[in-house]
Amino acid sequence: MKPWLVCNGSVVRLTLHVQPGARKTEVAGEHGDCLKIRLAAPPVDGKANAALLAWLADCFSVGKRAVSLQAGDKSRHKVVSIATALDAAAVLQLLQVQ
């Protein structure tokens, strides 16, 4: 199991290392105990956090209200929870992580 992924009932918790200001938003593999996300939004006035949550909602095909930032508002290290019924294998496949 991946240290950055926790599935608990109907909630998936991801521990992320976010790199804002990238060319495009994408999963960039693992970074220590985190999943690295390159984000095509500047780290200005919460725009990167909003873009991250919107991108995850789109990836998981859930509404924006189903995705919330639990920790790391002003940090590259973030914890995000997503209300979804997916299991760990489905999340790994969805994010295309080996």
C-alpha atoms as a PDB file:
ATOM      1  CA  MET A   1       0.000   0.000   0.000  1.00  0.00           C
ATOM      2  CA  LYS A   2       1.087   3.551  -0.689  1.00  0.00           C
ATOM      3  CA  PRO A   3       1.891   5.789   2.324  1.00  0.00           C
ATOM      4  CA  TRP A   4       0.179   8.773   0.658  1.00  0.00           C
ATOM      5  CA  LEU A   5      -3.148   6.979   0.108  1.00  0.00           C
ATOM      6  CA  VAL A   6      -5.704   6.165   2.805  1.00  0.00           C
ATOM      7  CA  CYS A   7      -9.127   4.733   1.929  1.00  0.00           C
ATOM      8  CA  ASN A   8     -11.597   4.751   4.805  1.00  0.00           C
ATOM      9  CA  GLY A   9     -15.140   3.804   3.891  1.00  0.00           C
ATOM     10  CA  SER A  10     -16.442   6.468   1.544  1.00  0.00           C
ATOM     11  CA  VAL A  11     -13.472   8.841   1.977  1.00  0.00           C
ATOM     12  CA  VAL A  12     -10.117   8.804   0.196  1.00  0.00           C
ATOM     13  CA  ARG A  13      -7.301  10.796   1.815  1.00  0.00           C
ATOM     14  CA  LEU A  14      -4.300  11.821  -0.293  1.00  0.00           C
ATOM     15  CA  THR A  15      -1.042  13.278   1.021  1.00  0.00           C
ATOM     16  CA  LEU A  16       0.358  15.451  -1.762  1.00  0.00           C
ATOM     17  CA  HIS A  17       3.483  17.370  -2.675  1.00  0.00           C
ATOM     18  CA  VAL A  18       2.250  20.126  -4.987  1.00  0.00           C
ATOM     19  CA  GLN A  19       4.472  22.000  -7.443  1.00  0.00           C
ATOM     20  CA  PRO A  20       2.618  25.117  -8.658  1.00  0.00           C
ATOM     21  CA  GLY A  21       3.539  27.042 -11.786  1.00  0.00           C
ATOM     22  CA  ALA A  22       4.039  23.978 -14.011  1.00  0.00           C
ATOM     23  CA  ARG A  23       3.225  23.882 -17.730  1.00  0.00           C
ATOM     24  CA  LYS A  24       0.299  21.532 -17.212  1.00  0.00           C
ATOM     25  CA  THR A  25      -1.522  19.882 -14.335  1.00  0.00           C
ATOM     26  CA  GLU A  26      -0.532  16.238 -13.962  1.00  0.00           C
ATOM     27  CA  VAL A  27       0.530  13.485 -11.590  1.00  0.00           C
ATOM     28  CA  ALA A  28       4.329  13.436 -11.480  1.00  0.00           C
ATOM     29  CA  GLY A  29       4.927  10.197  -9.542  1.00  0.00           C
ATOM     30  CA  GLU A  30       5.895   9.807  -5.914  1.00  0.00           C
ATOM     31  CA  HIS A  31       7.928  12.252  -3.835  1.00  0.00           C
ATOM     32  CA  GLY A  32       8.998  10.591  -0.589  1.00  0.00           C
ATOM     33  CA  ASP A  33       5.817   9.673   1.300  1.00  0.00           C
ATOM     34  CA  CYS A  34       3.682  11.927  -0.930  1.00  0.00           C
ATOM     35  CA  LEU A  35       2.131  11.843  -4.376  1.00  0.00           C
ATOM     36  CA  LYS A  36       3.631  14.669  -6.456  1.00  0.00           C
ATOM     37  CA  ILE A  37       1.244  16.818  -8.473  1.00  0.00           C
ATOM     38  CA  ARG A  38       2.464  19.400 -10.974  1.00  0.00           C
ATOM     39  CA  LEU A  39      -0.067  22.227 -11.046  1.00  0.00           C
ATOM     40  CA  ALA A  40      -0.553  24.740 -13.894  1.00  0.00           C
ATOM     41  CA  ALA A  41      -1.645  27.516 -11.547  1.00  0.00           C
ATOM     42  CA  PRO A  42       0.410  30.194  -9.797  1.00  0.00           C
ATOM     43  CA  PRO A  43       0.810  30.051  -5.999  1.00  0.00           C
ATOM     44  CA  VAL A  44      -0.996  33.400  -5.627  1.00  0.00           C
ATOM     45  CA  ASP A  45      -4.048  34.228  -3.472  1.00  0.00           C
ATOM     46  CA  GLY A  46      -5.148  30.591  -3.104  1.00  0.00           C
ATOM     47  CA  LYS A  47      -5.404  30.052  -6.879  1.00  0.00           C
ATOM     48  CA  ALA A  48      -3.212  26.945  -6.723  1.00  0.00           C
ATOM     49  CA  ASN A  49      -5.354  25.383  -3.970  1.00  0.00           C
ATOM     50  CA  ALA A  50      -8.568  26.130  -5.889  1.00  0.00           C
ATOM     51  CA  ALA A  51      -7.091  24.691  -9.093  1.00  0.00           C
ATOM     52  CA  LEU A  52      -5.880  21.577  -7.250  1.00  0.00           C
ATOM     53  CA  LEU A  53      -9.295  20.884  -5.699  1.00  0.00           C
ATOM     54  CA  ALA A  54     -11.092  21.493  -9.010  1.00  0.00           C
ATOM     55  CA  TRP A  55      -8.648  19.189 -10.855  1.00  0.00           C
ATOM     56  CA  LEU A  56      -9.092  16.408  -8.262  1.00  0.00           C
ATOM     57  CA  ALA A  57     -12.902  16.762  -8.425  1.00  0.00           C
ATOM     58  CA  ASP A  58     -12.671  16.369 -12.197  1.00  0.00           C
ATOM     59  CA  CYS A  59     -10.306  13.365 -11.936  1.00  0.00           C
ATOM     60  CA  PHE A  60     -12.560  11.564  -9.467  1.00  0.00           C
ATOM     61  CA  SER A  61     -15.795  12.616 -11.253  1.00  0.00           C
ATOM     62  CA  VAL A  62     -17.229  14.128  -8.070  1.00  0.00           C
ATOM     63  CA  GLY A  63     -18.602  17.560  -7.285  1.00  0.00           C
ATOM     64  CA  LYS A  64     -16.264  20.270  -6.021  1.00  0.00           C
ATOM     65  CA  ARG A  65     -17.874  20.059  -2.584  1.00  0.00           C
ATOM     66  CA  ALA A  66     -16.736  16.426  -2.291  1.00  0.00           C
ATOM     67  CA  VAL A  67     -13.066  17.508  -2.302  1.00  0.00           C
ATOM     68  CA  SER A  68     -11.624  19.393   0.665  1.00  0.00           C
ATOM     69  CA  LEU A  69      -8.214  20.593   1.786  1.00  0.00           C
ATOM     70  CA  GLN A  70      -7.503  19.157   5.255  1.00  0.00           C
ATOM     71  CA  ALA A  71      -3.988  20.547   5.787  1.00  0.00           C
ATOM     72  CA  GLY A  72      -1.316  22.561   4.011  1.00  0.00           C
ATOM     73  CA  ASP A  73      -3.146  25.726   2.973  1.00  0.00           C
ATOM     74  CA  LYS A  74       0.111  27.700   2.574  1.00  0.00           C
ATOM     75  CA  SER A  75       2.443  24.739   2.036  1.00  0.00           C
ATOM     76  CA  ARG A  76       3.482  22.502  -0.850  1.00  0.00           C
ATOM     77  CA  HIS A  77       2.728  19.540   1.444  1.00  0.00           C
ATOM     78  CA  LYS A  78      -1.058  19.095   1.467  1.00  0.00           C
ATOM     79  CA  VAL A  79      -3.600  16.599   2.739  1.00  0.00           C
ATOM     80  CA  VAL A  80      -6.800  16.358   0.704  1.00  0.00           C
ATOM     81  CA  SER A  81      -9.899  14.266   1.357  1.00  0.00           C
ATOM     82  CA  ILE A  82     -12.312  13.169  -1.348  1.00  0.00           C
ATOM     83  CA  ALA A  83     -15.783  11.769  -0.711  1.00  0.00           C
ATOM     84  CA  THR A  84     -15.937   8.817  -3.101  1.00  0.00           C
ATOM     85  CA  ALA A  85     -16.691   5.104  -2.920  1.00  0.00           C
ATOM     86  CA  LEU A  86     -13.500   4.091  -4.787  1.00  0.00           C
ATOM     87  CA  ASP A  87     -11.093   1.605  -3.247  1.00  0.00           C
ATOM     88  CA  ALA A  88      -7.288   1.923  -3.227  1.00  0.00           C
ATOM     89  CA  ALA A  89      -6.784  -0.064  -6.448  1.00  0.00           C
ATOM     90  CA  ALA A  90      -9.300   2.104  -8.314  1.00  0.00           C
ATOM     91  CA  VAL A  91      -7.645   5.300  -7.035  1.00  0.00           C
ATOM     92  CA  LEU A  92      -4.192   4.102  -8.147  1.00  0.00           C
ATOM     93  CA  GLN A  93      -5.566   3.244 -11.577  1.00  0.00           C
ATOM     94  CA  LEU A  94      -7.412   6.553 -11.831  1.00  0.00           C
ATOM     95  CA  LEU A  95      -4.269   8.534 -10.978  1.00  0.00           C
ATOM     96  CA  GLN A  96      -2.160   6.199 -13.144  1.00  0.00           C
ATOM     97  CA  VAL A  97       0.357   5.464 -10.391  1.00  0.00           C
ATOM     98  CA  GLN A  98       2.250   2.154 -10.308  1.00  0.00           C
END
